[in-house]
Amino acid sequence: MKDCCNTNNGKAQNKSPLKKWTNYIVYTIIAVIVIGALVLQLSGKN
């Protein structure tokens, strides 16, 4: 049991930085798309 938990924790720690960066990238892309859509709509009305 302890060996399995240790190996799982090691894998999780190795993957967590990649998950953080991928999450940041995905959220920034979504934010850029949403902000861009809002700017286009506001500029189109004017």
N, C-alpha and C. Protein backbone atom coordinates (compact mmCIF):
# COMPACT_ATOMS: atom_id res chain seq x y z
N MET A 1 0.84 -1.21 0.00
CA MET A 1 0.00 0.00 0.00
C MET A 1 0.87 1.26 0.00
N LYS A 2 1.87 1.28 0.86
CA LYS A 2 2.70 2.48 0.94
C LYS A 2 3.47 2.69 -0.36
N ASP A 3 3.96 1.61 -0.97
CA ASP A 3 4.70 1.76 -2.21
C ASP A 3 3.81 2.33 -3.32
N CYS A 4 2.57 1.85 -3.39
CA CYS A 4 1.66 2.35 -4.41
C CYS A 4 1.36 3.83 -4.18
N CYS A 5 1.13 4.19 -2.95
CA CYS A 5 0.84 5.59 -2.64
C CYS A 5 2.03 6.47 -2.98
N ASN A 6 3.23 6.01 -2.66
CA ASN A 6 4.42 6.81 -2.95
C ASN A 6 4.61 6.99 -4.45
N THR A 7 4.42 5.94 -5.23
CA THR A 7 4.60 6.08 -6.67
C THR A 7 3.51 6.98 -7.25
N ASN A 8 2.29 6.87 -6.76
CA ASN A 8 1.21 7.72 -7.26
C ASN A 8 1.48 9.19 -6.91
N ASN A 9 1.97 9.44 -5.70
CA ASN A 9 2.27 10.81 -5.32
C ASN A 9 3.39 11.38 -6.17
N GLY A 10 4.39 10.57 -6.48
CA GLY A 10 5.49 11.02 -7.33
C GLY A 10 5.01 11.38 -8.71
N LYS A 11 4.13 10.57 -9.26
CA LYS A 11 3.59 10.86 -10.59
C LYS A 11 2.75 12.13 -10.55
N ALA A 12 1.96 12.29 -9.53
CA ALA A 12 1.10 13.46 -9.42
C ALA A 12 1.95 14.73 -9.30
N GLN A 13 3.03 14.66 -8.54
CA GLN A 13 3.88 15.82 -8.38
C GLN A 13 4.57 16.17 -9.70
N ASN A 14 4.93 15.17 -10.50
CA ASN A 14 5.58 15.44 -11.77
C ASN A 14 4.60 16.04 -12.77
N LYS A 15 3.34 15.62 -12.72
CA LYS A 15 2.35 16.09 -13.68
C LYS A 15 1.73 17.42 -13.27
N SER A 16 1.78 17.78 -11.99
CA SER A 16 1.08 18.98 -11.54
C SER A 16 1.61 20.26 -12.19
N PRO A 17 2.92 20.45 -12.38
CA PRO A 17 3.36 21.69 -13.05
C PRO A 17 2.84 21.77 -14.48
N LEU A 18 2.82 20.65 -15.18
CA LEU A 18 2.30 20.66 -16.55
C LEU A 18 0.82 21.00 -16.54
N LYS A 19 0.08 20.45 -15.60
CA LYS A 19 -1.36 20.74 -15.53
C LYS A 19 -1.58 22.21 -15.22
N LYS A 20 -0.75 22.78 -14.34
CA LYS A 20 -0.90 24.20 -14.00
C LYS A 20 -0.70 25.05 -15.25
N TRP A 21 0.38 24.78 -16.00
CA TRP A 21 0.67 25.60 -17.18
C TRP A 21 -0.40 25.42 -18.24
N THR A 22 -0.87 24.19 -18.43
CA THR A 22 -1.92 23.98 -19.44
C THR A 22 -3.20 24.69 -19.01
N ASN A 23 -3.52 24.66 -17.72
CA ASN A 23 -4.71 25.37 -17.24
C ASN A 23 -4.57 26.87 -17.46
N TYR A 24 -3.39 27.42 -17.15
CA TYR A 24 -3.17 28.84 -17.36
C TYR A 24 -3.34 29.20 -18.82
N ILE A 25 -2.77 28.39 -19.72
CA ILE A 25 -2.85 28.67 -21.15
C ILE A 25 -4.29 28.61 -21.63
N VAL A 26 -5.03 27.57 -21.19
CA VAL A 26 -6.42 27.44 -21.62
C VAL A 26 -7.25 28.61 -21.12
N TYR A 27 -7.07 28.99 -19.86
CA TYR A 27 -7.86 30.09 -19.31
C TYR A 27 -7.51 31.41 -19.99
N THR A 28 -6.23 31.64 -20.31
CA THR A 28 -5.86 32.88 -20.99
C THR A 28 -6.45 32.93 -22.39
N ILE A 29 -6.46 31.79 -23.08
CA ILE A 29 -7.05 31.76 -24.42
C ILE A 29 -8.54 32.07 -24.35
N ILE A 30 -9.23 31.46 -23.37
CA ILE A 30 -10.67 31.72 -23.22
C ILE A 30 -10.90 33.19 -22.88
N ALA A 31 -10.09 33.75 -22.00
CA ALA A 31 -10.25 35.16 -21.62
C ALA A 31 -10.02 36.07 -22.82
N VAL A 32 -9.01 35.76 -23.64
CA VAL A 32 -8.74 36.59 -24.82
C VAL A 32 -9.91 36.54 -25.79
N ILE A 33 -10.47 35.34 -25.98
CA ILE A 33 -11.61 35.20 -26.90
C ILE A 33 -12.81 35.99 -26.38
N VAL A 34 -13.09 35.87 -25.08
CA VAL A 34 -14.26 36.57 -24.51
C VAL A 34 -14.06 38.08 -24.59
N ILE A 35 -12.88 38.56 -24.20
CA ILE A 35 -12.63 40.00 -24.23
C ILE A 35 -12.66 40.51 -25.67
N GLY A 36 -12.09 39.73 -26.60
CA GLY A 36 -12.12 40.13 -28.00
C GLY A 36 -13.54 40.22 -28.53
N ALA A 37 -14.38 39.27 -28.15
CA ALA A 37 -15.78 39.31 -28.60
C ALA A 37 -16.48 40.54 -28.03
N LEU A 38 -16.24 40.85 -26.77
CA LEU A 38 -16.87 42.03 -26.17
C LEU A 38 -16.40 43.30 -26.87
N VAL A 39 -15.11 43.40 -27.16
CA VAL A 39 -14.58 44.60 -27.82
C VAL A 39 -15.19 44.73 -29.22
N LEU A 40 -15.28 43.62 -29.94
CA LEU A 40 -15.86 43.66 -31.29
C LEU A 40 -17.32 44.09 -31.24
N GLN A 41 -18.06 43.60 -30.28
CA GLN A 41 -19.47 43.97 -30.16
C GLN A 41 -19.62 45.45 -29.80
N LEU A 42 -18.80 45.92 -28.87
CA LEU A 42 -18.89 47.32 -28.47
C LEU A 42 -18.46 48.23 -29.62
N SER A 43 -17.42 47.87 -30.33
CA SER A 43 -16.97 48.70 -31.45
C SER A 43 -17.96 48.64 -32.61
N GLY A 44 -18.64 47.51 -32.79
CA GLY A 44 -19.61 47.38 -33.86
C GLY A 44 -20.84 48.25 -33.62
N LYS A 45 -21.26 48.40 -32.38
CA LYS A 45 -22.43 49.23 -32.05
C LYS A 45 -22.13 50.69 -32.29
N ASN A 46 -20.89 51.10 -32.00
CA ASN A 46 -20.52 52.50 -32.21
C ASN A 46 -20.26 52.71 -33.68
